Amino acid sequence: MWRTVALQTLDFVRREFAVANGYASSLDADAGGVEGSHVTWTPDEVFAALSDNDCLELLDASLHRWCIEAPGNLDGRSVPQLAPDEPFTVPDGLAPALRALRANRSTRPQPSRDDKVVLEWNAMLASALLATYDDAYANEGLALLRSLRLTHWDGVAWYRIDQRGAYATAADVAWLVDAELDAYEWTGAEEWLSLARVDAAYLVDHHWDGPRPSAANPNVGAGFFSSSDLVTDVPLRPKEVFDGATPSSHAVGARALARLGLIDGSEALLVAQRLVTLAAEVLDTQPIAVVDLLDAAGFALDGTEVVIPGPPNHLTEHVRLLSMSHVVLVSGSGSSPLLAARAEGVAYVCRAGVCQRPASSIDELDRQLHSVR
């Protein structure tokens, strides 16, 4: 059920927000100068829509499911909402009514759309498309990431929007790296790991405060500035640790760099661990305010690598469909040191680069994964 709802949500975004260079930022709440006029209903309007589409027998069920009544809850009209006793997904029997209502709604004045293509939000969407593990959606995610590189990167700097009027924030670049790692996990292609490395370096180069953590000196540096050092017309460079409407750049940066470090053994993992250390008191005293950083800390401090050298196989597909936290999938034949000198077609469960014996069956792989979780 929840997968169906998630895919329907993605379909809505793909349908309503697609623009030439990616996906738009928002839709207006007003249409034709009236708040909610494009999405609210009266019982008479539902009657007319169903009558026009020869499914009037579904009137009572439709009014009940979507709580359409008189006088309604917004200026005499009803904002559709799910009745408490209704299933979350639309029953097959009501599908004709849903199509009729959507067709009717499309004839109304439509809301204005903000067509800015924001790097952060589009990288989030690319990750969501890749998380479906469905070829059609995932390929759209890959295409979106390639498109963003054409529209938001000028060969020197990343920009927040496609008009290139403002430099990218730490959140923009962190989400991009995170999405590129999703692309790497889906494809096993070296292309995406290489891009993630380059963009992670950009993130640290332009947003890190102070010396960079290293194996010799891991406890240095003071986190990410939200704004780039390329921005010269602001008096202060804030930092973003607490989650807001979206996860903080501190959290997303920590997660992306931790995942990269787990995959390629680089010092990106040390930067992620430093970000977690810097927020240790907040994690301890106000965890509800930094829930995404808690997730990132799992990767930074206790991540697991599943290594499956070579082309995708039944083990790769199994790992992709498992619900596992703080695990990265390393596959293909690229430059990750975890792939070196290991047999193809089997799986290795690793911690900190130290791997268990190769597993050739799903049962053995599950047993090893259970032992480290």
Foldseek 3Di string as FASTA:
>chain_A
DVLVVLVVVLVCQCVPFDDDLFGFDDWDQDFPRHGVPLAWAALVLLCVLCVVLVNNVCSVVVCQQQVHYACADPPRTHRGDGHPVDDPDDDPVCVSSVVSSVVVSVPGGGTDTGNWDFLLVRLVSLLSQLLSLDVVSNVVSVVSLVSLCVQQPDPPFGAGTSVRPFGAWLSSLLSSLVSLLSNCLSFLDVVSLVVSVVSLVVSCVFFWAFDDADPVRLQDTQAGFGGGPVDDPDPDGHAWQFQDPHAGSLLSQLQSLLLSCVQAVDCSLSRSVNSCVNCVVCCVPPVVRHVSNVLSVCSSPQAKEKEAEDGDDPLSVVVSPDDDGRYGYNYYQDNRPLRPPDDHQWIWIDDSSRTDDTHNDPVVVVVVVVVRD
